[in-house]
Amino acid sequence: MIKTAMILAAGKGTRMRASAQDPPKPLTQIGGQSLLFRMLARLENAGLETVVVNVHHKAEAIEAALSSYPAKAKIIVSDERADLLETGGGVQRALAHLAPDDAATAGFLVANGDVLWREETPVLDGFLARFEPEKMDALLLLAPRARATGYDGTGDYTMAPDGQLRRKTEAQAAYIFAGVQILSPALFAAMPEGAFSLNQIYDAAQQNGRLYGHVLDGLWMHVGTPEGRAEAEAAL
């Protein structure tokens, strides 16, 4: 049973067309609720009991928002004000909270702070149930390119019939990484100290044949631009 999660909210504040007056991206309001609060609620509804939130850019604003959130889960702030640890380094710093007992922790969930989707069924329930630690080191939530708004990329992964993933080698791939993953703590033993990307984690799992995907049952929304945000507002 996975009971710990992390929300990556320690961005650099360099998203496209951001101004000094804009809130940090996790606090962007879509449909009357911030991205951060939407994700927290979904994690709690899926039974997660401890949620780590890391902070860097406009950390005080995120901490103030968290203090007003009526949490059911235990929320822990991982302060990265003095560091730029990237995604992997941020998770590695929080491992003591995410996997307090490695021998008993099969995996933990990590979500980007700007993830948004409209679901047909409870997405995280199905995603958590899909994780099989005996054969998976990493499970990525995927969105079909055909069911995404605000996205003009070429996809990230191809998926075999059994769910194994490989990074695209052609010009396009059918699936977009949707910003949510379940990771084994064992993956971090070979990682460097300090800043590194979670992409190194995915590649290590793929090399060992232990990287799998789960397709999101819903509409995934990329909100990195004003146009993407407007599309998401309309979809919700």
C-alpha atoms as a PDB file:
ATOM      1  CA  MET A   1       0.000   0.000   0.000  1.00  0.00           C
ATOM      2  CA  ILE A   2       1.457   3.331  -1.068  1.00  0.00           C
ATOM      3  CA  LYS A   3       0.814   5.976   1.575  1.00  0.00           C
ATOM      4  CA  THR A   4       3.409   8.679   0.836  1.00  0.00           C
ATOM      5  CA  ALA A   5       3.550  11.211  -1.969  1.00  0.00           C
ATOM      6  CA  MET A   6       5.409  14.321  -3.058  1.00  0.00           C
ATOM      7  CA  ILE A   7       4.296  17.357  -5.027  1.00  0.00           C
ATOM      8  CA  LEU A   8       7.088  19.077  -6.948  1.00  0.00           C
ATOM      9  CA  ALA A   9       6.384  22.772  -6.380  1.00  0.00           C
ATOM     10  CA  ALA A  10       9.966  24.107  -6.324  1.00  0.00           C
ATOM     11  CA  GLY A  11      10.011  25.607  -9.801  1.00  0.00           C
ATOM     12  CA  LYS A  12      12.286  28.412 -10.954  1.00  0.00           C
ATOM     13  CA  GLY A  13       9.507  30.780 -12.015  1.00  0.00           C
ATOM     14  CA  THR A  14      10.675  30.789 -15.627  1.00  0.00           C
ATOM     15  CA  ARG A  15       7.554  29.464 -17.332  1.00  0.00           C
ATOM     16  CA  MET A  16       6.602  31.083 -20.602  1.00  0.00           C
ATOM     17  CA  ARG A  17       5.355  34.673 -20.257  1.00  0.00           C
ATOM     18  CA  ALA A  18       5.397  34.679 -16.449  1.00  0.00           C
ATOM     19  CA  SER A  19       5.622  38.105 -14.817  1.00  0.00           C
ATOM     20  CA  ALA A  20       6.904  39.140 -11.405  1.00  0.00           C
ATOM     21  CA  GLN A  21       3.299  39.616 -10.259  1.00  0.00           C
ATOM     22  CA  ASP A  22       2.155  36.125 -11.198  1.00  0.00           C
ATOM     23  CA  PRO A  23       1.731  33.526  -8.455  1.00  0.00           C
ATOM     24  CA  PRO A  24       4.035  30.504  -8.539  1.00  0.00           C
ATOM     25  CA  LYS A  25       2.621  28.097 -11.079  1.00  0.00           C
ATOM     26  CA  PRO A  26       1.204  25.576  -8.542  1.00  0.00           C
ATOM     27  CA  LEU A  27      -0.998  28.385  -7.203  1.00  0.00           C
ATOM     28  CA  THR A  28      -2.445  29.196 -10.639  1.00  0.00           C
ATOM     29  CA  GLN A  29      -6.228  29.191 -10.393  1.00  0.00           C
ATOM     30  CA  ILE A  30      -8.067  27.013 -12.913  1.00  0.00           C
ATOM     31  CA  GLY A  31     -11.822  26.776 -12.564  1.00  0.00           C
ATOM     32  CA  GLY A  32     -11.710  28.598  -9.218  1.00  0.00           C
ATOM     33  CA  GLN A  33      -9.164  26.325  -7.514  1.00  0.00           C
ATOM     34  CA  SER A  34      -5.375  26.261  -7.537  1.00  0.00           C
ATOM     35  CA  LEU A  35      -3.474  23.450  -9.219  1.00  0.00           C
ATOM     36  CA  LEU A  36      -1.802  22.691  -5.890  1.00  0.00           C
ATOM     37  CA  PHE A  37      -5.066  22.318  -3.973  1.00  0.00           C
ATOM     38  CA  ARG A  38      -6.570  20.175  -6.742  1.00  0.00           C
ATOM     39  CA  MET A  39      -3.634  17.779  -6.545  1.00  0.00           C
ATOM     40  CA  LEU A  40      -3.646  17.686  -2.735  1.00  0.00           C
ATOM     41  CA  ALA A  41      -7.344  16.816  -2.732  1.00  0.00           C
ATOM     42  CA  ARG A  42      -6.838  14.048  -5.286  1.00  0.00           C
ATOM     43  CA  LEU A  43      -3.952  12.564  -3.308  1.00  0.00           C
ATOM     44  CA  GLU A  44      -5.999  12.599  -0.111  1.00  0.00           C
ATOM     45  CA  ASN A  45      -9.028  11.076  -1.837  1.00  0.00           C
ATOM     46  CA  ALA A  46      -6.785   8.270  -3.100  1.00  0.00           C
ATOM     47  CA  GLY A  47      -5.710   7.449   0.454  1.00  0.00           C
ATOM     48  CA  LEU A  48      -2.272   9.098   0.606  1.00  0.00           C
ATOM     49  CA  GLU A  49      -1.479   9.886   4.231  1.00  0.00           C
ATOM     50  CA  THR A  50       1.758  11.912   4.005  1.00  0.00           C
ATOM     51  CA  VAL A  51       2.451  14.512   1.316  1.00  0.00           C
ATOM     52  CA  VAL A  52       5.770  16.336   0.946  1.00  0.00           C
ATOM     53  CA  VAL A  53       5.691  19.653  -0.938  1.00  0.00           C
ATOM     54  CA  ASN A  54       9.031  21.157  -1.948  1.00  0.00           C
ATOM     55  CA  VAL A  55       9.417  24.928  -2.359  1.00  0.00           C
ATOM     56  CA  HIS A  56      11.918  27.283  -3.986  1.00  0.00           C
ATOM     57  CA  HIS A  57      10.551  30.101  -6.169  1.00  0.00           C
ATOM     58  CA  LYS A  58       8.073  32.267  -4.202  1.00  0.00           C
ATOM     59  CA  ALA A  59       8.277  29.720  -1.398  1.00  0.00           C
ATOM     60  CA  GLU A  60       6.505  32.011   1.073  1.00  0.00           C
ATOM     61  CA  ALA A  61       3.395  32.170  -1.122  1.00  0.00           C
ATOM     62  CA  ILE A  62       3.192  28.374  -1.334  1.00  0.00           C
ATOM     63  CA  GLU A  63       3.750  27.981   2.415  1.00  0.00           C
ATOM     64  CA  ALA A  64       1.020  30.543   3.131  1.00  0.00           C
ATOM     65  CA  ALA A  65      -1.385  28.701   0.851  1.00  0.00           C
ATOM     66  CA  LEU A  66      -0.601  25.371   2.506  1.00  0.00           C
ATOM     67  CA  SER A  67      -1.283  26.863   5.925  1.00  0.00           C
ATOM     68  CA  SER A  68      -4.835  27.640   4.777  1.00  0.00           C
ATOM     69  CA  TYR A  69      -5.492  24.226   3.245  1.00  0.00           C
ATOM     70  CA  PRO A  70      -7.834  22.016   5.336  1.00  0.00           C
ATOM     71  CA  ALA A  71      -5.548  19.005   5.137  1.00  0.00           C
ATOM     72  CA  LYS A  72      -6.525  15.435   5.939  1.00  0.00           C
ATOM     73  CA  ALA A  73      -3.026  14.175   5.127  1.00  0.00           C
ATOM     74  CA  LYS A  74       0.135  15.136   6.973  1.00  0.00           C
ATOM     75  CA  ILE A  75       1.823  17.840   4.893  1.00  0.00           C
ATOM     76  CA  ILE A  76       5.590  18.343   5.118  1.00  0.00           C
ATOM     77  CA  VAL A  77       7.393  21.248   3.436  1.00  0.00           C
ATOM     78  CA  SER A  78      10.823  20.488   1.971  1.00  0.00           C
ATOM     79  CA  ASP A  79      12.662  23.815   1.826  1.00  0.00           C
ATOM     80  CA  GLU A  80      14.854  24.260  -1.245  1.00  0.00           C
ATOM     81  CA  ARG A  81      15.187  28.033  -1.104  1.00  0.00           C
ATOM     82  CA  ALA A  82      18.981  27.823  -0.970  1.00  0.00           C
ATOM     83  CA  ASP A  83      19.288  25.046  -3.560  1.00  0.00           C
ATOM     84  CA  LEU A  84      18.376  24.264  -7.132  1.00  0.00           C
ATOM     85  CA  LEU A  85      18.023  20.501  -6.885  1.00  0.00           C
ATOM     86  CA  GLU A  86      15.939  19.810 -10.000  1.00  0.00           C
ATOM     87  CA  THR A  87      13.281  17.130  -9.864  1.00  0.00           C
ATOM     88  CA  GLY A  88      15.426  14.147  -8.919  1.00  0.00           C
ATOM     89  CA  GLY A  89      17.508  15.967  -6.347  1.00  0.00           C
ATOM     90  CA  GLY A  90      14.357  17.331  -4.736  1.00  0.00           C
ATOM     91  CA  VAL A  91      12.872  13.857  -4.371  1.00  0.00           C
ATOM     92  CA  GLN A  92      16.170  12.478  -3.094  1.00  0.00           C
ATOM     93  CA  ARG A  93      16.277  15.120  -0.346  1.00  0.00           C
ATOM     94  CA  ALA A  94      12.774  14.093   0.768  1.00  0.00           C
ATOM     95  CA  LEU A  95      13.414  10.322   0.764  1.00  0.00           C
ATOM     96  CA  ALA A  96      13.444  10.123   4.561  1.00  0.00           C
ATOM     97  CA  HIS A  97       9.762  11.160   4.504  1.00  0.00           C
ATOM     98  CA  LEU A  98       8.784   9.266   1.348  1.00  0.00           C
ATOM     99  CA  ALA A  99      10.463   5.975   2.240  1.00  0.00           C
ATOM    100  CA  PRO A 100      11.108   6.088   6.000  1.00  0.00           C
ATOM    101  CA  ASP A 101      11.752   2.347   5.999  1.00  0.00           C
ATOM    102  CA  ASP A 102      13.122   1.253   2.631  1.00  0.00           C
ATOM    103  CA  ALA A 103      12.623  -2.419   3.419  1.00  0.00           C
ATOM    104  CA  ALA A 104       8.899  -1.862   3.875  1.00  0.00           C
ATOM    105  CA  THR A 105       8.368   0.847   1.239  1.00  0.00           C
ATOM    106  CA  ALA A 106       7.693  -0.607  -2.184  1.00  0.00           C
ATOM    107  CA  GLY A 107       7.203   2.796  -3.765  1.00  0.00           C
ATOM    108  CA  PHE A 108       5.906   6.319  -3.401  1.00  0.00           C
ATOM    109  CA  LEU A 109       4.023   8.710  -5.667  1.00  0.00           C
ATOM    110  CA  VAL A 110       5.481  11.920  -7.101  1.00  0.00           C
ATOM    111  CA  ALA A 111       3.404  14.539  -8.943  1.00  0.00           C
ATOM    112  CA  ASN A 112       4.415  17.717 -10.704  1.00  0.00           C
ATOM    113  CA  GLY A 113       2.916  20.812  -9.120  1.00  0.00           C
ATOM    114  CA  ASP A 114       1.264  21.964 -12.340  1.00  0.00           C
ATOM    115  CA  VAL A 115      -0.576  18.780 -13.346  1.00  0.00           C
ATOM    116  CA  LEU A 116      -4.220  19.026 -14.322  1.00  0.00           C
ATOM    117  CA  TRP A 117      -6.721  16.618 -15.809  1.00  0.00           C
ATOM    118  CA  ARG A 118     -10.460  16.066 -16.095  1.00  0.00           C
ATOM    119  CA  GLU A 119     -11.187  12.478 -15.178  1.00  0.00           C
ATOM    120  CA  GLU A 120     -13.865   9.993 -16.158  1.00  0.00           C
ATOM    121  CA  THR A 121     -13.054   7.621 -13.270  1.00  0.00           C
ATOM    122  CA  PRO A 122     -10.801   8.198 -10.206  1.00  0.00           C
ATOM    123  CA  VAL A 123      -7.455   8.303 -11.999  1.00  0.00           C
ATOM    124  CA  LEU A 124      -5.164   7.917  -9.005  1.00  0.00           C
ATOM    125  CA  ASP A 125      -7.071   4.927  -7.620  1.00  0.00           C
ATOM    126  CA  GLY A 126      -6.453   2.980 -10.826  1.00  0.00           C
ATOM    127  CA  PHE A 127      -2.889   4.245 -11.096  1.00  0.00           C
ATOM    128  CA  LEU A 128      -1.950   3.139  -7.572  1.00  0.00           C
ATOM    129  CA  ALA A 129      -3.560  -0.263  -8.105  1.00  0.00           C
ATOM    130  CA  ARG A 130      -1.528  -0.765 -11.300  1.00  0.00           C
ATOM    131  CA  PHE A 131       1.865  -0.590  -9.552  1.00  0.00           C
ATOM    132  CA  GLU A 132       3.520  -4.003  -9.215  1.00  0.00           C
ATOM    133  CA  PRO A 133       6.786  -3.579  -7.264  1.00  0.00           C
ATOM    134  CA  GLU A 134       7.996  -7.079  -8.061  1.00  0.00           C
ATOM    135  CA  LYS A 135       8.390  -6.133 -11.740  1.00  0.00           C
ATOM    136  CA  MET A 136       8.313  -2.311 -11.806  1.00  0.00           C
ATOM    137  CA  ASP A 137      10.818   0.261 -10.573  1.00  0.00           C
ATOM    138  CA  ALA A 138       8.848   3.145 -12.058  1.00  0.00           C
ATOM    139  CA  LEU A 139       5.274   3.540 -13.266  1.00  0.00           C
ATOM    140  CA  LEU A 140       4.458   6.666 -15.272  1.00  0.00           C
ATOM    141  CA  LEU A 141       1.003   8.142 -15.808  1.00  0.00           C
ATOM    142  CA  LEU A 142       0.542   8.744 -19.539  1.00  0.00           C
ATOM    143  CA  ALA A 143      -1.869  10.816 -21.573  1.00  0.00           C
ATOM    144  CA  PRO A 144      -2.704   9.951 -25.182  1.00  0.00           C
ATOM    145  CA  ARG A 145      -1.774  12.870 -27.434  1.00  0.00           C
ATOM    146  CA  ALA A 146      -5.286  12.673 -28.866  1.00  0.00           C
ATOM    147  CA  ARG A 147      -6.739  13.419 -25.405  1.00  0.00           C
ATOM    148  CA  ALA A 148      -4.759  16.487 -24.391  1.00  0.00           C
ATOM    149  CA  THR A 149      -5.323  20.239 -24.541  1.00  0.00           C
ATOM    150  CA  GLY A 150      -2.747  23.030 -24.693  1.00  0.00           C
ATOM    151  CA  TYR A 151      -0.051  20.621 -25.906  1.00  0.00           C
ATOM    152  CA  ASP A 152       1.827  21.020 -29.180  1.00  0.00           C
ATOM    153  CA  GLY A 153       4.692  18.580 -28.589  1.00  0.00           C
ATOM    154  CA  THR A 154       5.442  15.274 -30.249  1.00  0.00           C
ATOM    155  CA  GLY A 155       4.905  12.879 -27.332  1.00  0.00           C
ATOM    156  CA  ASP A 156       7.392  11.135 -25.048  1.00  0.00           C
ATOM    157  CA  TYR A 157       6.970   7.355 -24.927  1.00  0.00           C
ATOM    158  CA  THR A 158       5.893   4.294 -26.852  1.00  0.00           C
ATOM    159  CA  MET A 159       4.224   1.502 -24.905  1.00  0.00           C
ATOM    160  CA  ALA A 160       4.351  -2.263 -25.469  1.00  0.00           C
ATOM    161  CA  PRO A 161       1.212  -4.404 -25.001  1.00  0.00           C
ATOM    162  CA  ASP A 162       2.362  -5.374 -21.485  1.00  0.00           C
ATOM    163  CA  GLY A 163       2.794  -1.716 -20.518  1.00  0.00           C
ATOM    164  CA  GLN A 164       6.594  -1.490 -20.760  1.00  0.00           C
ATOM    165  CA  LEU A 165       7.786   1.925 -21.917  1.00  0.00           C
ATOM    166  CA  ARG A 166      10.535   3.148 -24.178  1.00  0.00           C
ATOM    167  CA  ARG A 167      11.469   6.708 -24.970  1.00  0.00           C
ATOM    168  CA  LYS A 168      10.433   7.640 -28.479  1.00  0.00           C
ATOM    169  CA  THR A 169      12.963   7.022 -31.232  1.00  0.00           C
ATOM    170  CA  GLU A 170      10.729   8.247 -34.056  1.00  0.00           C
ATOM    171  CA  ALA A 171       9.578  11.811 -34.712  1.00  0.00           C
ATOM    172  CA  GLN A 172       6.384  11.282 -32.744  1.00  0.00           C
ATOM    173  CA  ALA A 173       5.069   9.059 -29.970  1.00  0.00           C
ATOM    174  CA  ALA A 174       1.497   8.272 -28.989  1.00  0.00           C
ATOM    175  CA  TYR A 175       1.852   9.064 -25.289  1.00  0.00           C
ATOM    176  CA  ILE A 176       2.768  12.124 -23.233  1.00  0.00           C
ATOM    177  CA  PHE A 177       4.215  11.772 -19.764  1.00  0.00           C
ATOM    178  CA  ALA A 178       1.420  13.285 -17.662  1.00  0.00           C
ATOM    179  CA  GLY A 179       3.540  14.412 -14.705  1.00  0.00           C
ATOM    180  CA  VAL A 180       2.676  11.728 -12.140  1.00  0.00           C
ATOM    181  CA  GLN A 181       4.775   8.690 -11.279  1.00  0.00           C
ATOM    182  CA  ILE A 182       5.305   5.936  -8.741  1.00  0.00           C
ATOM    183  CA  LEU A 183       8.971   5.286  -7.973  1.00  0.00           C
ATOM    184  CA  SER A 184      10.904   2.648  -6.075  1.00  0.00           C
ATOM    185  CA  PRO A 185      13.280   4.118  -3.465  1.00  0.00           C
ATOM    186  CA  ALA A 186      15.937   1.638  -4.629  1.00  0.00           C
ATOM    187  CA  LEU A 187      16.319   3.650  -7.844  1.00  0.00           C
ATOM    188  CA  PHE A 188      17.956   6.502  -5.960  1.00  0.00           C
ATOM    189  CA  ALA A 189      20.882   4.502  -4.545  1.00  0.00           C
ATOM    190  CA  ALA A 190      22.912   4.935  -7.746  1.00  0.00           C
ATOM    191  CA  MET A 191      21.996   8.577  -8.304  1.00  0.00           C
ATOM    192  CA  PRO A 192      24.405  11.500  -7.704  1.00  0.00           C
ATOM    193  CA  GLU A 193      24.247  13.840  -4.738  1.00  0.00           C
ATOM    194  CA  GLY A 194      22.750  17.269  -5.384  1.00  0.00           C
ATOM    195  CA  ALA A 195      20.846  18.301  -8.491  1.00  0.00           C
ATOM    196  CA  PHE A 196      19.734  15.810 -11.134  1.00  0.00           C
ATOM    197  CA  SER A 197      16.660  15.164 -13.252  1.00  0.00           C
ATOM    198  CA  LEU A 198      14.122  12.413 -12.711  1.00  0.00           C
ATOM    199  CA  ASN A 199      14.739  11.577 -16.359  1.00  0.00           C
ATOM    200  CA  GLN A 200      17.836   9.731 -15.128  1.00  0.00           C
ATOM    201  CA  ILE A 201      15.544   7.612 -12.933  1.00  0.00           C
ATOM    202  CA  TYR A 202      13.232   6.764 -15.842  1.00  0.00           C
ATOM    203  CA  ASP A 203      16.162   5.863 -18.091  1.00  0.00           C
ATOM    204  CA  ALA A 204      17.673   3.582 -15.432  1.00  0.00           C
ATOM    205  CA  ALA A 205      14.343   1.790 -15.011  1.00  0.00           C
ATOM    206  CA  GLN A 206      13.942   1.456 -18.786  1.00  0.00           C
ATOM    207  CA  GLN A 207      17.438   0.000 -19.144  1.00  0.00           C
ATOM    208  CA  ASN A 208      16.502  -2.709 -16.650  1.00  0.00           C
ATOM    209  CA  GLY A 209      13.153  -3.419 -18.321  1.00  0.00           C
ATOM    210  CA  ARG A 210      11.308  -2.103 -15.274  1.00  0.00           C
ATOM    211  CA  LEU A 211       9.725   1.102 -16.635  1.00  0.00           C
ATOM    212  CA  TYR A 212       5.968   0.819 -17.180  1.00  0.00           C
ATOM    213  CA  GLY A 213       3.082   3.092 -18.088  1.00  0.00           C
ATOM    214  CA  HIS A 214      -0.578   3.516 -17.142  1.00  0.00           C
ATOM    215  CA  VAL A 215      -2.903   5.466 -19.432  1.00  0.00           C
ATOM    216  CA  LEU A 216      -4.958   8.254 -17.886  1.00  0.00           C
ATOM    217  CA  ASP A 217      -8.719   7.799 -18.221  1.00  0.00           C
ATOM    218  CA  GLY A 218      -9.636  11.396 -18.901  1.00  0.00           C
ATOM    219  CA  LEU A 219      -8.544  14.636 -20.557  1.00  0.00           C
ATOM    220  CA  TRP A 220      -5.021  15.864 -19.744  1.00  0.00           C
ATOM    221  CA  MET A 221      -4.441  19.609 -19.815  1.00  0.00           C
ATOM    222  CA  HIS A 222      -1.163  21.427 -20.353  1.00  0.00           C
ATOM    223  CA  VAL A 223      -1.403  24.873 -18.735  1.00  0.00           C
ATOM    224  CA  GLY A 224       2.069  26.283 -19.456  1.00  0.00           C
ATOM    225  CA  THR A 225       0.765  29.161 -21.579  1.00  0.00           C
ATOM    226  CA  PRO A 226      -2.178  31.598 -21.385  1.00  0.00           C
ATOM    227  CA  GLU A 227      -3.729  29.735 -24.317  1.00  0.00           C
ATOM    228  CA  GLY A 228      -3.373  26.400 -22.528  1.00  0.00           C
ATOM    229  CA  ARG A 229      -4.907  27.852 -19.405  1.00  0.00           C
ATOM    230  CA  ALA A 230      -7.881  29.200 -21.391  1.00  0.00           C
ATOM    231  CA  GLU A 231      -8.425  25.770 -22.974  1.00  0.00           C
ATOM    232  CA  ALA A 232      -8.329  24.153 -19.529  1.00  0.00           C
ATOM    233  CA  GLU A 233     -10.846  26.651 -18.138  1.00  0.00           C
ATOM    234  CA  ALA A 234     -13.182  25.855 -21.026  1.00  0.00           C
ATOM    235  CA  ALA A 235     -12.742  22.094 -20.576  1.00  0.00           C
ATOM    236  CA  LEU A 236     -13.566  22.272 -16.863  1.00  0.00           C
END
